[in-house]
């Protein structure tokens, strides 16, 4: 059974996908309302090596319902979802939310 994962940051990068999943992912654009983006400094050297950046985006809940995050929902396997868990640091937690399209997908938000 396939999983759906929403990305608004480095998981959209080809290098991160190839090194994390061993392939390039296919997905479609979507939007999440009620959240906004912040930034975080990553110190995990493996994540920095894959993403080639120390500053990463971080989704945080917003009290403004019209705040939004644009990104991509990727169709992945359960094993790839676990690989994504391994890529993300403790600053993130994975939750399932509903997106503008009506689809439900996993997303990494602030812990």
C-alpha atoms as a PDB file:
ATOM      1  CA  UNK A   1       0.000   0.000   0.000  1.00  0.00           C
ATOM      2  CA  UNK A   2       1.332   3.398  -0.940  1.00  0.00           C
ATOM      3  CA  UNK A   3       1.765   6.335   1.389  1.00  0.00           C
ATOM      4  CA  UNK A   4       1.489  10.036   0.611  1.00  0.00           C
ATOM      5  CA  UNK A   5       4.065  12.499   1.917  1.00  0.00           C
ATOM      6  CA  UNK A   6       3.833  16.293   1.627  1.00  0.00           C
ATOM      7  CA  UNK A   7       7.122  18.122   1.222  1.00  0.00           C
ATOM      8  CA  UNK A   8       7.675  21.850   1.537  1.00  0.00           C
ATOM      9  CA  UNK A   9      11.451  21.773   1.788  1.00  0.00           C
ATOM     10  CA  UNK A  10      14.551  19.695   1.170  1.00  0.00           C
ATOM     11  CA  UNK A  11      12.713  16.444   0.375  1.00  0.00           C
ATOM     12  CA  UNK A  12      11.906  18.090  -2.967  1.00  0.00           C
ATOM     13  CA  UNK A  13      15.618  18.205  -3.868  1.00  0.00           C
ATOM     14  CA  UNK A  14      16.819  15.573  -6.339  1.00  0.00           C
ATOM     15  CA  UNK A  15      20.005  14.861  -4.324  1.00  0.00           C
ATOM     16  CA  UNK A  16      18.045  14.297  -1.103  1.00  0.00           C
ATOM     17  CA  UNK A  17      15.583  11.988  -2.877  1.00  0.00           C
ATOM     18  CA  UNK A  18      18.314   9.953  -4.564  1.00  0.00           C
ATOM     19  CA  UNK A  19      20.308   9.552  -1.348  1.00  0.00           C
ATOM     20  CA  UNK A  20      17.273   8.887   0.876  1.00  0.00           C
ATOM     21  CA  UNK A  21      15.059   6.798  -1.426  1.00  0.00           C
ATOM     22  CA  UNK A  22      17.388   5.701  -4.228  1.00  0.00           C
ATOM     23  CA  UNK A  23      15.113   7.264  -6.841  1.00  0.00           C
ATOM     24  CA  UNK A  24      13.428  10.497  -7.868  1.00  0.00           C
ATOM     25  CA  UNK A  25       9.883  10.806  -6.553  1.00  0.00           C
ATOM     26  CA  UNK A  26       6.757  11.672  -8.516  1.00  0.00           C
ATOM     27  CA  UNK A  27       4.246  14.038  -6.978  1.00  0.00           C
ATOM     28  CA  UNK A  28       1.690  16.767  -7.427  1.00  0.00           C
ATOM     29  CA  UNK A  29       1.489  20.295  -6.073  1.00  0.00           C
ATOM     30  CA  UNK A  30      -0.798  20.918  -3.121  1.00  0.00           C
ATOM     31  CA  UNK A  31      -1.359  23.407  -0.300  1.00  0.00           C
ATOM     32  CA  UNK A  32      -1.788  23.152   3.461  1.00  0.00           C
ATOM     33  CA  UNK A  33      -3.821  25.855   5.198  1.00  0.00           C
ATOM     34  CA  UNK A  34      -3.549  26.843   8.854  1.00  0.00           C
ATOM     35  CA  UNK A  35       0.216  26.399   8.985  1.00  0.00           C
ATOM     36  CA  UNK A  36       3.147  28.697   8.255  1.00  0.00           C
ATOM     37  CA  UNK A  37       6.866  28.246   7.675  1.00  0.00           C
ATOM     38  CA  UNK A  38       9.654  28.995  10.079  1.00  0.00           C
ATOM     39  CA  UNK A  39      13.331  28.045   9.860  1.00  0.00           C
ATOM     40  CA  UNK A  40      15.600  25.867  11.945  1.00  0.00           C
ATOM     41  CA  UNK A  41      19.361  25.348  12.046  1.00  0.00           C
ATOM     42  CA  UNK A  42      20.224  21.691  11.418  1.00  0.00           C
ATOM     43  CA  UNK A  43      23.300  20.268  13.170  1.00  0.00           C
ATOM     44  CA  UNK A  44      23.034  16.640  11.961  1.00  0.00           C
ATOM     45  CA  UNK A  45      25.994  16.286   9.592  1.00  0.00           C
ATOM     46  CA  UNK A  46      24.367  13.505   7.512  1.00  0.00           C
ATOM     47  CA  UNK A  47      21.304  15.685   6.860  1.00  0.00           C
ATOM     48  CA  UNK A  48      23.508  18.679   6.004  1.00  0.00           C
ATOM     49  CA  UNK A  49      25.544  16.511   3.604  1.00  0.00           C
ATOM     50  CA  UNK A  50      22.390  15.345   1.781  1.00  0.00           C
ATOM     51  CA  UNK A  51      20.600  18.698   1.713  1.00  0.00           C
ATOM     52  CA  UNK A  52      23.730  20.820   1.286  1.00  0.00           C
ATOM     53  CA  UNK A  53      22.299  23.413   3.665  1.00  0.00           C
ATOM     54  CA  UNK A  54      22.171  24.073   7.417  1.00  0.00           C
ATOM     55  CA  UNK A  55      18.989  26.162   7.423  1.00  0.00           C
ATOM     56  CA  UNK A  56      15.826  24.110   6.847  1.00  0.00           C
ATOM     57  CA  UNK A  57      12.157  25.048   6.733  1.00  0.00           C
ATOM     58  CA  UNK A  58       9.847  24.006   9.563  1.00  0.00           C
ATOM     59  CA  UNK A  59       6.027  23.889   9.442  1.00  0.00           C
ATOM     60  CA  UNK A  60       4.337  25.342  12.509  1.00  0.00           C
ATOM     61  CA  UNK A  61       0.628  25.706  13.276  1.00  0.00           C
ATOM     62  CA  UNK A  62      -0.806  29.175  12.728  1.00  0.00           C
ATOM     63  CA  UNK A  63      -3.761  30.871  14.348  1.00  0.00           C
ATOM     64  CA  UNK A  64      -4.513  32.477  10.975  1.00  0.00           C
ATOM     65  CA  UNK A  65      -6.598  30.053   8.906  1.00  0.00           C
ATOM     66  CA  UNK A  66      -5.503  31.678   5.628  1.00  0.00           C
ATOM     67  CA  UNK A  67      -1.796  31.068   6.318  1.00  0.00           C
ATOM     68  CA  UNK A  68      -0.602  28.422   3.901  1.00  0.00           C
ATOM     69  CA  UNK A  69       2.290  26.237   2.886  1.00  0.00           C
ATOM     70  CA  UNK A  70       2.709  25.269  -0.750  1.00  0.00           C
ATOM     71  CA  UNK A  71       4.505  22.039  -1.578  1.00  0.00           C
ATOM     72  CA  UNK A  72       4.274  18.671  -3.255  1.00  0.00           C
ATOM     73  CA  UNK A  73       2.527  15.454  -2.237  1.00  0.00           C
ATOM     74  CA  UNK A  74       4.715  12.490  -3.206  1.00  0.00           C
ATOM     75  CA  UNK A  75       3.474   8.925  -3.577  1.00  0.00           C
ATOM     76  CA  UNK A  76       5.936   6.643  -1.771  1.00  0.00           C
ATOM     77  CA  UNK A  77       6.111   3.169  -0.262  1.00  0.00           C
ATOM     78  CA  UNK A  78       5.860   2.457   3.460  1.00  0.00           C
ATOM     79  CA  UNK A  79       9.585   1.618   3.464  1.00  0.00           C
ATOM     80  CA  UNK A  80      10.349   4.993   1.880  1.00  0.00           C
ATOM     81  CA  UNK A  81       8.232   6.692   4.544  1.00  0.00           C
ATOM     82  CA  UNK A  82      10.425   5.050   7.181  1.00  0.00           C
ATOM     83  CA  UNK A  83      13.512   6.242   5.275  1.00  0.00           C
ATOM     84  CA  UNK A  84      12.090   9.783   5.374  1.00  0.00           C
ATOM     85  CA  UNK A  85      11.659   9.406   9.138  1.00  0.00           C
ATOM     86  CA  UNK A  86      15.356   8.577   9.313  1.00  0.00           C
ATOM     87  CA  UNK A  87      16.259  11.664   7.299  1.00  0.00           C
ATOM     88  CA  UNK A  88      14.280  14.118   9.451  1.00  0.00           C
ATOM     89  CA  UNK A  89      15.766  15.254  12.766  1.00  0.00           C
ATOM     90  CA  UNK A  90      14.164  15.292  16.222  1.00  0.00           C
ATOM     91  CA  UNK A  91      12.983  18.859  15.509  1.00  0.00           C
ATOM     92  CA  UNK A  92      10.245  17.315  13.347  1.00  0.00           C
ATOM     93  CA  UNK A  93       7.353  14.955  13.973  1.00  0.00           C
ATOM     94  CA  UNK A  94       5.266  13.221  11.315  1.00  0.00           C
ATOM     95  CA  UNK A  95       1.498  13.825  11.325  1.00  0.00           C
ATOM     96  CA  UNK A  96      -1.269  13.117   8.818  1.00  0.00           C
ATOM     97  CA  UNK A  97      -3.259  16.166   7.675  1.00  0.00           C
ATOM     98  CA  UNK A  98      -5.749  17.078   4.959  1.00  0.00           C
ATOM     99  CA  UNK A  99      -4.671  19.328   2.100  1.00  0.00           C
ATOM    100  CA  UNK A 100      -6.438  21.762  -0.219  1.00  0.00           C
ATOM    101  CA  UNK A 101      -7.025  18.994  -2.775  1.00  0.00           C
ATOM    102  CA  UNK A 102      -8.909  16.978  -0.159  1.00  0.00           C
ATOM    103  CA  UNK A 103      -6.126  14.386  -0.044  1.00  0.00           C
ATOM    104  CA  UNK A 104      -4.643  13.237   3.236  1.00  0.00           C
ATOM    105  CA  UNK A 105      -0.870  12.991   3.480  1.00  0.00           C
ATOM    106  CA  UNK A 106       1.887  12.767   6.024  1.00  0.00           C
ATOM    107  CA  UNK A 107       3.823  15.954   6.759  1.00  0.00           C
ATOM    108  CA  UNK A 108       6.732  16.762   9.057  1.00  0.00           C
ATOM    109  CA  UNK A 109       5.860  19.601  11.432  1.00  0.00           C
ATOM    110  CA  UNK A 110       7.609  21.122  14.462  1.00  0.00           C
ATOM    111  CA  UNK A 111       7.961  18.661  17.347  1.00  0.00           C
END
